[in-house]
Amino acid sequence: MDISAETIEQIVNNTLKTVITQVEEQGFPLSSEKTLVFKFMWELGKHIQNDNLRFDFEYAAYEELNSKDVSDRFLDLLVWSQEDYKVAFEFKLPKRGLTGSPQTNTKPKIYRDIARLKYLVDNAQSGIRAGFFICAVNEEAYLNNTGRADITYSVAHNHKASVSDIGGLSLPDLLTFNWTGIKVGRDKYVCSGKFAWLVPIRL
């Protein structure tokens, strides 16, 4: 199967479905974001079975943005089977530790990744024609808005973004966060399994 405008959404959805099943039902480990990126790419390759498949981890896609942070210049994953149709991916896997994950910093970074993907697609940077943001969390604070929290960069279930740009980069006009693998517990959303999984956001 070739990666194209007609096939990419099905490819991404089917690949992520396989990853979710393996993590949630078959005991596959998911200890870091890098594990998620590699596992997704592994399953994507198995799914499309195309000898022309090419991919690159940590591709320097954002050099033109002139970020002072060198690590901000790299895209998590670039995939293609045709030179004129490449697909960019960003991933996030904030995980609860002993004191929780740094939500105040992570939520704006989620918005930034989405905006940066939009920038790549809008400019057809390096032949990039589509982008996807993929995320999983194991903390209920990401799934809910509370009265105490600043919701400027909320990623809560069914939340519609109220900001139009971040760091000088524009966001999609309609940006809504929808999660799977969740249930309602004590009047708030919680993970129904090991993780809640964001419905992939396509740019």
Protein backbone atom coordinates (compact mmCIF):
# COMPACT_ATOMS: atom_id res chain seq x y z
CA MET A 1 0.00 0.00 0.00
CA ASP A 2 1.29 3.45 -0.91
CA ILE A 3 1.12 6.36 1.51
CA SER A 4 -1.13 8.95 -0.11
CA ALA A 5 -3.84 11.50 0.68
CA GLU A 6 -6.43 8.78 0.15
CA THR A 7 -4.83 6.11 2.33
CA ILE A 8 -2.98 7.93 5.13
CA GLU A 9 -5.87 8.33 7.57
CA GLN A 10 -6.75 4.64 7.36
CA ILE A 11 -3.08 3.71 7.76
CA VAL A 12 -2.67 5.88 10.85
CA ASN A 13 -5.90 4.74 12.49
CA ASN A 14 -5.22 1.05 11.86
CA THR A 15 -1.62 1.34 13.02
CA LEU A 16 -2.57 3.12 16.23
CA LYS A 17 -5.36 0.63 16.88
CA THR A 18 -2.79 -2.17 16.75
CA VAL A 19 -0.45 -0.33 19.12
CA ILE A 20 -3.29 0.31 21.58
CA THR A 21 -4.35 -3.34 21.54
CA GLN A 22 -0.81 -4.51 22.18
CA VAL A 23 -0.24 -2.07 25.03
CA GLU A 24 -3.63 -2.40 26.69
CA GLU A 25 -4.37 -6.10 26.16
CA GLN A 26 -1.13 -7.89 25.37
CA GLY A 27 1.25 -6.39 27.90
CA PHE A 28 3.59 -4.57 25.53
CA PRO A 29 5.67 -2.04 27.52
CA LEU A 30 5.31 1.68 26.94
CA SER A 31 7.87 3.26 29.22
CA SER A 32 8.77 6.31 27.17
CA GLU A 33 7.78 8.51 24.26
CA LYS A 34 10.60 7.03 22.18
CA THR A 35 9.10 3.58 22.70
CA LEU A 36 5.77 4.87 21.39
CA VAL A 37 7.39 6.44 18.32
CA PHE A 38 9.36 3.31 17.47
CA LYS A 39 6.44 0.96 18.12
CA PHE A 40 4.15 3.05 15.91
CA MET A 41 6.68 3.06 13.06
CA TRP A 42 7.26 -0.69 13.41
CA GLU A 43 3.55 -1.45 13.15
CA LEU A 44 3.03 1.03 10.31
CA GLY A 45 5.70 -0.75 8.29
CA LYS A 46 4.09 -4.12 8.94
CA HIS A 47 0.68 -2.73 8.00
CA ILE A 48 1.50 -1.24 4.60
CA GLN A 49 4.16 -3.79 3.52
CA ASN A 50 5.67 -1.50 0.91
CA ASP A 51 9.27 -1.93 -0.24
CA ASN A 52 9.39 1.79 -1.05
CA LEU A 53 8.64 2.81 2.54
CA ARG A 54 11.13 5.32 3.90
CA PHE A 55 11.26 6.90 7.34
CA ASP A 56 13.42 9.18 9.44
CA PHE A 57 13.48 9.72 13.19
CA GLU A 58 14.45 13.14 14.59
CA TYR A 59 14.39 14.80 11.18
CA ALA A 60 15.54 18.45 11.26
CA ALA A 61 12.25 19.88 9.97
CA TYR A 62 12.08 23.08 11.98
CA GLU A 63 15.44 24.71 11.32
CA GLU A 64 13.78 27.68 9.58
CA LEU A 65 11.95 28.53 12.81
CA ASN A 66 15.32 29.44 14.35
CA SER A 67 14.56 28.07 17.80
CA LYS A 68 17.16 28.80 20.45
CA ASP A 69 16.63 25.29 21.79
CA VAL A 70 18.45 22.90 19.46
CA SER A 71 16.11 20.03 20.44
CA ASP A 72 13.15 22.05 19.10
CA ARG A 73 14.44 21.73 15.54
CA PHE A 74 13.62 18.04 15.19
CA LEU A 75 10.48 16.26 14.09
CA ASP A 76 9.72 12.97 15.86
CA LEU A 77 8.99 10.96 12.71
CA LEU A 78 8.83 11.49 8.96
CA VAL A 79 7.32 8.75 6.76
CA TRP A 80 6.82 8.37 3.00
CA SER A 81 6.59 5.89 0.16
CA GLN A 82 6.49 8.58 -2.56
CA GLU A 83 8.80 11.59 -2.61
CA ASP A 84 5.97 14.03 -3.28
CA TYR A 85 3.82 12.90 -0.34
CA LYS A 86 5.54 12.81 3.03
CA VAL A 87 3.80 12.63 6.39
CA ALA A 88 5.05 14.25 9.60
CA PHE A 89 4.32 12.93 13.08
CA GLU A 90 4.72 14.40 16.54
CA PHE A 91 4.16 12.31 19.67
CA LYS A 92 3.62 13.05 23.34
CA LEU A 93 3.54 10.57 26.22
CA PRO A 94 3.38 12.47 29.53
CA LYS A 95 3.34 9.91 32.32
CA ARG A 96 2.54 10.09 35.98
CA GLY A 97 5.61 9.68 38.16
CA LEU A 98 5.98 9.96 41.90
CA THR A 99 4.80 13.57 41.77
CA GLY A 100 2.91 13.56 38.45
CA SER A 101 4.03 14.89 35.09
CA PRO A 102 4.75 18.62 34.54
CA GLN A 103 1.32 19.46 33.12
CA THR A 104 1.83 23.24 33.16
CA ASN A 105 4.73 22.84 30.73
CA THR A 106 3.45 19.84 28.79
CA LYS A 107 0.05 21.20 27.73
CA PRO A 108 1.50 24.23 25.87
CA LYS A 109 4.03 21.89 24.26
CA ILE A 110 1.14 19.82 22.90
CA TYR A 111 -0.33 22.95 21.31
CA ARG A 112 3.11 23.91 20.01
CA ASP A 113 3.60 20.52 18.35
CA ILE A 114 0.22 20.83 16.63
CA ALA A 115 1.06 24.34 15.43
CA ARG A 116 4.46 23.23 14.16
CA LEU A 117 2.89 20.37 12.21
CA LYS A 118 0.45 22.84 10.68
CA TYR A 119 3.40 25.03 9.69
CA LEU A 120 5.10 22.10 7.92
CA VAL A 121 1.95 21.14 6.02
CA ASP A 122 0.96 24.70 5.12
CA ASN A 123 4.41 25.29 3.66
CA ALA A 124 4.76 21.81 2.13
CA GLN A 125 8.09 21.77 3.90
CA SER A 126 10.37 19.04 2.45
CA GLY A 127 7.43 17.54 0.58
CA ILE A 128 5.33 17.17 3.73
CA ARG A 129 1.65 17.03 2.76
CA ALA A 130 0.05 15.79 5.99
CA GLY A 131 0.78 15.78 9.68
CA PHE A 132 -0.55 13.85 12.67
CA PHE A 133 -0.30 14.48 16.37
CA ILE A 134 -0.47 11.34 18.52
CA CYS A 135 -0.63 11.30 22.30
CA ALA A 136 -1.34 9.01 25.25
CA VAL A 137 -1.59 9.93 28.93
CA ASN A 138 -2.09 8.10 32.21
CA GLU A 139 -3.11 11.10 34.30
CA GLU A 140 -6.72 12.21 34.68
CA ALA A 141 -5.68 15.86 34.96
CA TYR A 142 -5.12 15.93 31.20
CA LEU A 143 -8.64 14.66 30.56
CA ASN A 144 -10.57 17.19 32.67
CA ASN A 145 -10.98 20.91 33.16
CA THR A 146 -11.15 21.97 36.79
CA GLY A 147 -12.08 25.26 38.36
CA ARG A 148 -8.56 25.72 39.67
CA ALA A 149 -6.72 25.12 36.41
CA ASP A 150 -5.84 27.56 33.65
CA ILE A 151 -7.64 26.17 30.58
CA THR A 152 -5.82 28.31 28.01
CA TYR A 153 -3.98 25.23 26.80
CA SER A 154 -6.46 22.63 27.95
CA VAL A 155 -6.42 19.22 26.29
CA ALA A 156 -9.45 17.94 28.22
CA HIS A 157 -11.92 15.55 26.61
CA ASN A 158 -14.19 17.38 24.13
CA HIS A 159 -12.35 20.67 24.74
CA LYS A 160 -12.40 23.09 21.82
CA ALA A 161 -9.27 25.21 21.72
CA SER A 162 -9.84 28.90 22.38
CA VAL A 163 -6.43 30.13 21.22
CA SER A 164 -5.52 30.69 17.57
CA ASP A 165 -1.73 30.66 17.78
CA ILE A 166 1.22 29.82 19.99
CA GLY A 167 4.75 31.14 19.72
CA GLY A 168 3.89 33.00 16.51
CA LEU A 169 2.58 29.85 14.79
CA SER A 170 -1.09 29.48 13.92
CA LEU A 171 -3.30 26.65 15.14
CA PRO A 172 -6.11 24.99 13.18
CA ASP A 173 -9.38 26.93 13.13
CA LEU A 174 -11.22 23.99 14.67
CA LEU A 175 -9.09 22.12 17.20
CA THR A 176 -10.89 19.69 19.48
CA PHE A 177 -9.37 17.12 21.80
CA ASN A 178 -11.16 13.77 21.91
CA TRP A 179 -9.89 10.83 23.94
CA THR A 180 -10.55 7.10 23.83
CA GLY A 181 -9.85 4.60 26.59
CA ILE A 182 -11.65 6.71 29.18
CA LYS A 183 -14.63 6.37 31.50
CA VAL A 184 -16.46 8.56 33.99
CA GLY A 185 -15.50 8.04 37.60
CA ARG A 186 -16.74 10.29 40.41
CA ASP A 187 -17.87 13.01 38.02
CA LYS A 188 -14.64 13.19 36.04
CA TYR A 189 -12.94 11.32 33.24
CA VAL A 190 -10.37 8.70 34.16
CA CYS A 191 -8.40 6.14 32.16
CA SER A 192 -10.30 2.91 31.64
CA GLY A 193 -7.06 1.02 31.03
CA LYS A 194 -3.36 1.78 31.26
CA PHE A 195 -3.61 4.93 29.13
CA ALA A 196 -6.08 7.30 27.57
CA TRP A 197 -5.41 7.71 23.85
CA LEU A 198 -5.99 10.91 21.91
CA VAL A 199 -7.88 10.53 18.66
CA PRO A 200 -5.10 11.45 16.18
CA ILE A 201 -5.22 15.09 15.14
CA ARG A 202 -4.65 15.48 11.42
CA LEU A 203 -3.12 18.60 9.95
